[in-house]
Amino acid sequence: MKNKFLESLIRGIDAAGNVGDIKFRYALAKNRKKLIEEISSMNEMLKPSTEFNEYDRERMDLAAKMANKDKNGKPIVENDAYVFSDKSKFKKEFEKLKKENKKVLDEREKQIKEFNDFLDMESTFEPHKIKQEDLPKNPDGSPMLSAVQISEIIDLIEM
């Protein structure tokens, strides 16, 4: 299984987590805990550097400074974006800021590329396997999980 599918496996566990007996739910919980740890480590890989955070703060400050202001002097925001009467002036200043921070931006771009490459790699996650006979069943013997629920946790089922 590739690293990029780990989060969807957690969603599958969550969808099936209220079904079945304690043994089944325990196996799901065990896998969920391992996955959370793995994903937490992955998220650390993507964490921006202090330098990038500083650049991003400067970028936001620049946008707020150059945005149109309301009667109280606050930047005007529409559709989650600052409003500019002179976009070309802002773009010029923004390009200047990007040029001053080229190294930081290049490092961030490299970090994101490496992370995306990592997502395409095979995961080291080793699931706690669930035997097919331990999947929850209704009293009449029919499966308690839907086909969708089963497909979402298929990587945890021992075939």
C-alpha atoms as a PDB file:
ATOM      1  CA  MET A   1       0.000   0.000   0.000  1.00  0.00           C
ATOM      2  CA  LYS A   2       1.289   3.457  -0.864  1.00  0.00           C
ATOM      3  CA  ASN A   3       1.708   6.167   1.752  1.00  0.00           C
ATOM      4  CA  LYS A   4      -0.920   8.325   0.050  1.00  0.00           C
ATOM      5  CA  PHE A   5      -3.634   5.804   0.935  1.00  0.00           C
ATOM      6  CA  LEU A   6      -3.028   5.739   4.695  1.00  0.00           C
ATOM      7  CA  GLU A   7      -5.469   8.545   5.475  1.00  0.00           C
ATOM      8  CA  SER A   8      -8.242   6.896   3.475  1.00  0.00           C
ATOM      9  CA  LEU A   9      -7.612   3.698   5.442  1.00  0.00           C
ATOM     10  CA  ILE A  10      -8.234   5.636   8.672  1.00  0.00           C
ATOM     11  CA  ARG A  11     -11.520   6.908   7.222  1.00  0.00           C
ATOM     12  CA  GLY A  12     -12.445   3.314   6.406  1.00  0.00           C
ATOM     13  CA  ILE A  13     -11.635   2.244   9.958  1.00  0.00           C
ATOM     14  CA  ASP A  14     -13.773   5.088  11.294  1.00  0.00           C
ATOM     15  CA  ALA A  15     -16.664   4.063   9.041  1.00  0.00           C
ATOM     16  CA  ALA A  16     -16.519   0.443  10.216  1.00  0.00           C
ATOM     17  CA  GLY A  17     -15.536   1.171  13.818  1.00  0.00           C
ATOM     18  CA  ASN A  18     -19.009   0.988  15.342  1.00  0.00           C
ATOM     19  CA  VAL A  19     -19.854  -2.387  13.870  1.00  0.00           C
ATOM     20  CA  GLY A  20     -19.217  -5.836  15.231  1.00  0.00           C
ATOM     21  CA  ASP A  21     -17.941  -7.329  18.426  1.00  0.00           C
ATOM     22  CA  ILE A  22     -15.223  -6.085  20.730  1.00  0.00           C
ATOM     23  CA  LYS A  23     -12.528  -8.236  19.093  1.00  0.00           C
ATOM     24  CA  PHE A  24     -13.180  -6.686  15.673  1.00  0.00           C
ATOM     25  CA  ARG A  25     -13.355  -3.139  17.041  1.00  0.00           C
ATOM     26  CA  TYR A  26     -10.149  -3.722  19.008  1.00  0.00           C
ATOM     27  CA  ALA A  27      -8.327  -4.802  15.840  1.00  0.00           C
ATOM     28  CA  LEU A  28      -9.565  -1.663  14.076  1.00  0.00           C
ATOM     29  CA  ALA A  29      -8.496   0.520  17.012  1.00  0.00           C
ATOM     30  CA  LYS A  30      -5.039  -1.055  17.011  1.00  0.00           C
ATOM     31  CA  ASN A  31      -4.629  -0.290  13.319  1.00  0.00           C
ATOM     32  CA  ARG A  32      -6.002   3.219  13.735  1.00  0.00           C
ATOM     33  CA  LYS A  33      -3.456   3.998  16.454  1.00  0.00           C
ATOM     34  CA  LYS A  34      -0.571   2.781  14.289  1.00  0.00           C
ATOM     35  CA  LEU A  35      -1.856   4.796  11.330  1.00  0.00           C
ATOM     36  CA  ILE A  36      -2.234   7.983  13.374  1.00  0.00           C
ATOM     37  CA  GLU A  37       1.416   7.678  14.452  1.00  0.00           C
ATOM     38  CA  GLU A  38       2.520   7.092  10.857  1.00  0.00           C
ATOM     39  CA  ILE A  39       0.500  10.014   9.495  1.00  0.00           C
ATOM     40  CA  SER A  40       1.720  12.276  12.281  1.00  0.00           C
ATOM     41  CA  SER A  41       5.299  11.508  11.222  1.00  0.00           C
ATOM     42  CA  MET A  42       4.399  12.207   7.615  1.00  0.00           C
ATOM     43  CA  ASN A  43       2.872  15.555   8.551  1.00  0.00           C
ATOM     44  CA  GLU A  44       6.095  16.511  10.326  1.00  0.00           C
ATOM     45  CA  MET A  45       7.919  16.015   7.025  1.00  0.00           C
ATOM     46  CA  LEU A  46       5.717  18.642   5.405  1.00  0.00           C
ATOM     47  CA  LYS A  47       5.977  21.188   8.197  1.00  0.00           C
ATOM     48  CA  PRO A  48       7.293  24.501   6.802  1.00  0.00           C
ATOM     49  CA  SER A  49      10.599  25.885   8.028  1.00  0.00           C
ATOM     50  CA  THR A  50      10.818  28.884  10.346  1.00  0.00           C
ATOM     51  CA  GLU A  51      12.193  30.884   7.414  1.00  0.00           C
ATOM     52  CA  PHE A  52       9.227  29.979   5.220  1.00  0.00           C
ATOM     53  CA  ASN A  53       6.800  30.915   8.005  1.00  0.00           C
ATOM     54  CA  GLU A  54       8.541  34.292   8.272  1.00  0.00           C
ATOM     55  CA  TYR A  55       8.235  34.798   4.499  1.00  0.00           C
ATOM     56  CA  ASP A  56       4.555  33.852   4.659  1.00  0.00           C
ATOM     57  CA  ARG A  57       3.954  36.346   7.469  1.00  0.00           C
ATOM     58  CA  GLU A  58       5.691  39.057   5.408  1.00  0.00           C
ATOM     59  CA  ARG A  59       3.543  38.103   2.405  1.00  0.00           C
ATOM     60  CA  MET A  60       0.351  38.431   4.444  1.00  0.00           C
ATOM     61  CA  ASP A  61       1.523  41.716   5.966  1.00  0.00           C
ATOM     62  CA  LEU A  62       2.267  43.086   2.492  1.00  0.00           C
ATOM     63  CA  ALA A  63      -1.168  42.093   1.242  1.00  0.00           C
ATOM     64  CA  ALA A  64      -2.891  43.651   4.270  1.00  0.00           C
ATOM     65  CA  LYS A  65      -0.835  46.832   3.933  1.00  0.00           C
ATOM     66  CA  MET A  66      -1.591  47.286   0.221  1.00  0.00           C
ATOM     67  CA  ALA A  67      -5.247  46.218   0.292  1.00  0.00           C
ATOM     68  CA  ASN A  68      -8.084  48.717   0.065  1.00  0.00           C
ATOM     69  CA  LYS A  69      -9.188  49.825   3.524  1.00  0.00           C
ATOM     70  CA  ASP A  70     -12.642  50.341   4.996  1.00  0.00           C
ATOM     71  CA  LYS A  71     -13.645  53.479   6.940  1.00  0.00           C
ATOM     72  CA  ASN A  72     -11.984  52.033  10.071  1.00  0.00           C
ATOM     73  CA  GLY A  73      -8.683  51.448   8.276  1.00  0.00           C
ATOM     74  CA  LYS A  74      -9.099  47.671   8.156  1.00  0.00           C
ATOM     75  CA  PRO A  75      -8.213  45.796   4.924  1.00  0.00           C
ATOM     76  CA  ILE A  76     -11.260  44.943   2.818  1.00  0.00           C
ATOM     77  CA  VAL A  77     -11.731  41.213   2.221  1.00  0.00           C
ATOM     78  CA  GLU A  78     -14.145  39.661  -0.288  1.00  0.00           C
ATOM     79  CA  ASN A  79     -14.423  35.914  -0.938  1.00  0.00           C
ATOM     80  CA  ASP A  80     -11.520  35.265   1.461  1.00  0.00           C
ATOM     81  CA  ALA A  81      -9.189  37.557  -0.532  1.00  0.00           C
ATOM     82  CA  TYR A  82      -7.953  41.098  -0.044  1.00  0.00           C
ATOM     83  CA  VAL A  83      -9.338  43.711  -2.427  1.00  0.00           C
ATOM     84  CA  PHE A  84      -6.797  45.836  -4.326  1.00  0.00           C
ATOM     85  CA  SER A  85      -7.517  48.889  -6.436  1.00  0.00           C
ATOM     86  CA  ASP A  86      -4.003  48.667  -7.924  1.00  0.00           C
ATOM     87  CA  LYS A  87      -3.218  44.992  -8.401  1.00  0.00           C
ATOM     88  CA  SER A  88      -0.150  45.724 -10.530  1.00  0.00           C
ATOM     89  CA  LYS A  89       1.473  47.661  -7.667  1.00  0.00           C
ATOM     90  CA  PHE A  90       0.809  44.758  -5.300  1.00  0.00           C
ATOM     91  CA  LYS A  91       2.128  42.235  -7.847  1.00  0.00           C
ATOM     92  CA  LYS A  92       5.306  44.291  -8.261  1.00  0.00           C
ATOM     93  CA  GLU A  93       5.912  44.373  -4.488  1.00  0.00           C
ATOM     94  CA  PHE A  94       5.001  40.709  -4.169  1.00  0.00           C
ATOM     95  CA  GLU A  95       7.476  39.739  -6.909  1.00  0.00           C
ATOM     96  CA  LYS A  96      10.136  41.748  -5.068  1.00  0.00           C
ATOM     97  CA  LEU A  97       9.365  39.835  -1.849  1.00  0.00           C
ATOM     98  CA  LYS A  98       9.535  36.507  -3.699  1.00  0.00           C
ATOM     99  CA  LYS A  99      12.869  37.452  -5.246  1.00  0.00           C
ATOM    100  CA  GLU A 100      14.264  38.381  -1.818  1.00  0.00           C
ATOM    101  CA  ASN A 101      13.117  34.973  -0.508  1.00  0.00           C
ATOM    102  CA  LYS A 102      14.018  32.851  -3.535  1.00  0.00           C
ATOM    103  CA  LYS A 103      16.169  30.431  -1.538  1.00  0.00           C
ATOM    104  CA  VAL A 104      13.420  29.882   1.059  1.00  0.00           C
ATOM    105  CA  LEU A 105      10.789  29.371  -1.652  1.00  0.00           C
ATOM    106  CA  ASP A 106      13.042  26.966  -3.584  1.00  0.00           C
ATOM    107  CA  GLU A 107      13.638  24.949  -0.408  1.00  0.00           C
ATOM    108  CA  ARG A 108       9.900  24.817   0.290  1.00  0.00           C
ATOM    109  CA  GLU A 109       9.174  23.730  -3.273  1.00  0.00           C
ATOM    110  CA  LYS A 110      11.821  20.992  -2.944  1.00  0.00           C
ATOM    111  CA  GLN A 111      10.311  19.899   0.392  1.00  0.00           C
ATOM    112  CA  ILE A 112       6.838  19.616  -1.165  1.00  0.00           C
ATOM    113  CA  LYS A 113       8.193  17.660  -4.156  1.00  0.00           C
ATOM    114  CA  GLU A 114      10.029  15.240  -1.859  1.00  0.00           C
ATOM    115  CA  PHE A 115       6.872  14.803   0.209  1.00  0.00           C
ATOM    116  CA  ASN A 116       4.785  14.087  -2.900  1.00  0.00           C
ATOM    117  CA  ASP A 117       7.402  11.556  -4.026  1.00  0.00           C
ATOM    118  CA  PHE A 118       7.221   9.980  -0.555  1.00  0.00           C
ATOM    119  CA  LEU A 119       3.430   9.676  -0.870  1.00  0.00           C
ATOM    120  CA  ASP A 120       3.949   7.567  -3.993  1.00  0.00           C
ATOM    121  CA  MET A 121       6.315   5.187  -2.170  1.00  0.00           C
ATOM    122  CA  GLU A 122       5.255   1.928  -0.572  1.00  0.00           C
ATOM    123  CA  SER A 123       4.323   2.396   3.068  1.00  0.00           C
ATOM    124  CA  THR A 124       6.162   0.713   5.913  1.00  0.00           C
ATOM    125  CA  PHE A 125       2.845   0.436   7.794  1.00  0.00           C
ATOM    126  CA  GLU A 126       2.313  -3.135   8.912  1.00  0.00           C
ATOM    127  CA  PRO A 127      -1.347  -3.679   9.704  1.00  0.00           C
ATOM    128  CA  HIS A 128      -2.705  -5.847  12.449  1.00  0.00           C
ATOM    129  CA  LYS A 129      -4.503  -8.297  10.147  1.00  0.00           C
ATOM    130  CA  ILE A 130      -8.125  -9.271  10.691  1.00  0.00           C
ATOM    131  CA  LYS A 131      -9.116 -12.779   9.688  1.00  0.00           C
ATOM    132  CA  GLN A 132     -12.055 -13.069   7.303  1.00  0.00           C
ATOM    133  CA  GLU A 133     -13.911 -15.250   9.791  1.00  0.00           C
ATOM    134  CA  ASP A 134     -13.555 -12.477  12.404  1.00  0.00           C
ATOM    135  CA  LEU A 135     -15.416  -9.938  10.278  1.00  0.00           C
ATOM    136  CA  PRO A 136     -18.724  -9.069  11.976  1.00  0.00           C
ATOM    137  CA  LYS A 137     -21.787 -11.016  10.915  1.00  0.00           C
ATOM    138  CA  ASN A 138     -25.489 -10.604  11.521  1.00  0.00           C
ATOM    139  CA  PRO A 139     -27.295 -13.324  13.501  1.00  0.00           C
ATOM    140  CA  ASP A 140     -28.360 -14.905  10.182  1.00  0.00           C
ATOM    141  CA  GLY A 141     -24.697 -15.181   9.134  1.00  0.00           C
ATOM    142  CA  SER A 142     -24.770 -12.391   6.539  1.00  0.00           C
ATOM    143  CA  PRO A 143     -22.001  -9.783   6.605  1.00  0.00           C
ATOM    144  CA  MET A 144     -22.630  -6.852   8.929  1.00  0.00           C
ATOM    145  CA  LEU A 145     -20.322  -4.606   6.903  1.00  0.00           C
ATOM    146  CA  SER A 146     -21.369  -3.210   3.558  1.00  0.00           C
ATOM    147  CA  ALA A 147     -19.307  -3.875   0.450  1.00  0.00           C
ATOM    148  CA  VAL A 148     -18.091  -0.259   0.628  1.00  0.00           C
ATOM    149  CA  GLN A 149     -17.007  -0.640   4.261  1.00  0.00           C
ATOM    150  CA  ILE A 150     -15.146  -3.838   3.433  1.00  0.00           C
ATOM    151  CA  SER A 151     -13.418  -2.259   0.447  1.00  0.00           C
ATOM    152  CA  GLU A 152     -12.271   0.634   2.644  1.00  0.00           C
ATOM    153  CA  ILE A 153     -10.524  -1.716   5.099  1.00  0.00           C
ATOM    154  CA  ILE A 154      -9.555  -4.453   2.625  1.00  0.00           C
ATOM    155  CA  ASP A 155      -5.841  -3.922   3.355  1.00  0.00           C
ATOM    156  CA  LEU A 156      -6.465  -4.992   6.963  1.00  0.00           C
ATOM    157  CA  ILE A 157      -8.211  -8.247   6.075  1.00  0.00           C
ATOM    158  CA  GLU A 158      -6.175 -11.436   5.922  1.00  0.00           C
ATOM    159  CA  MET A 159      -7.084 -13.248   2.735  1.00  0.00           C
END
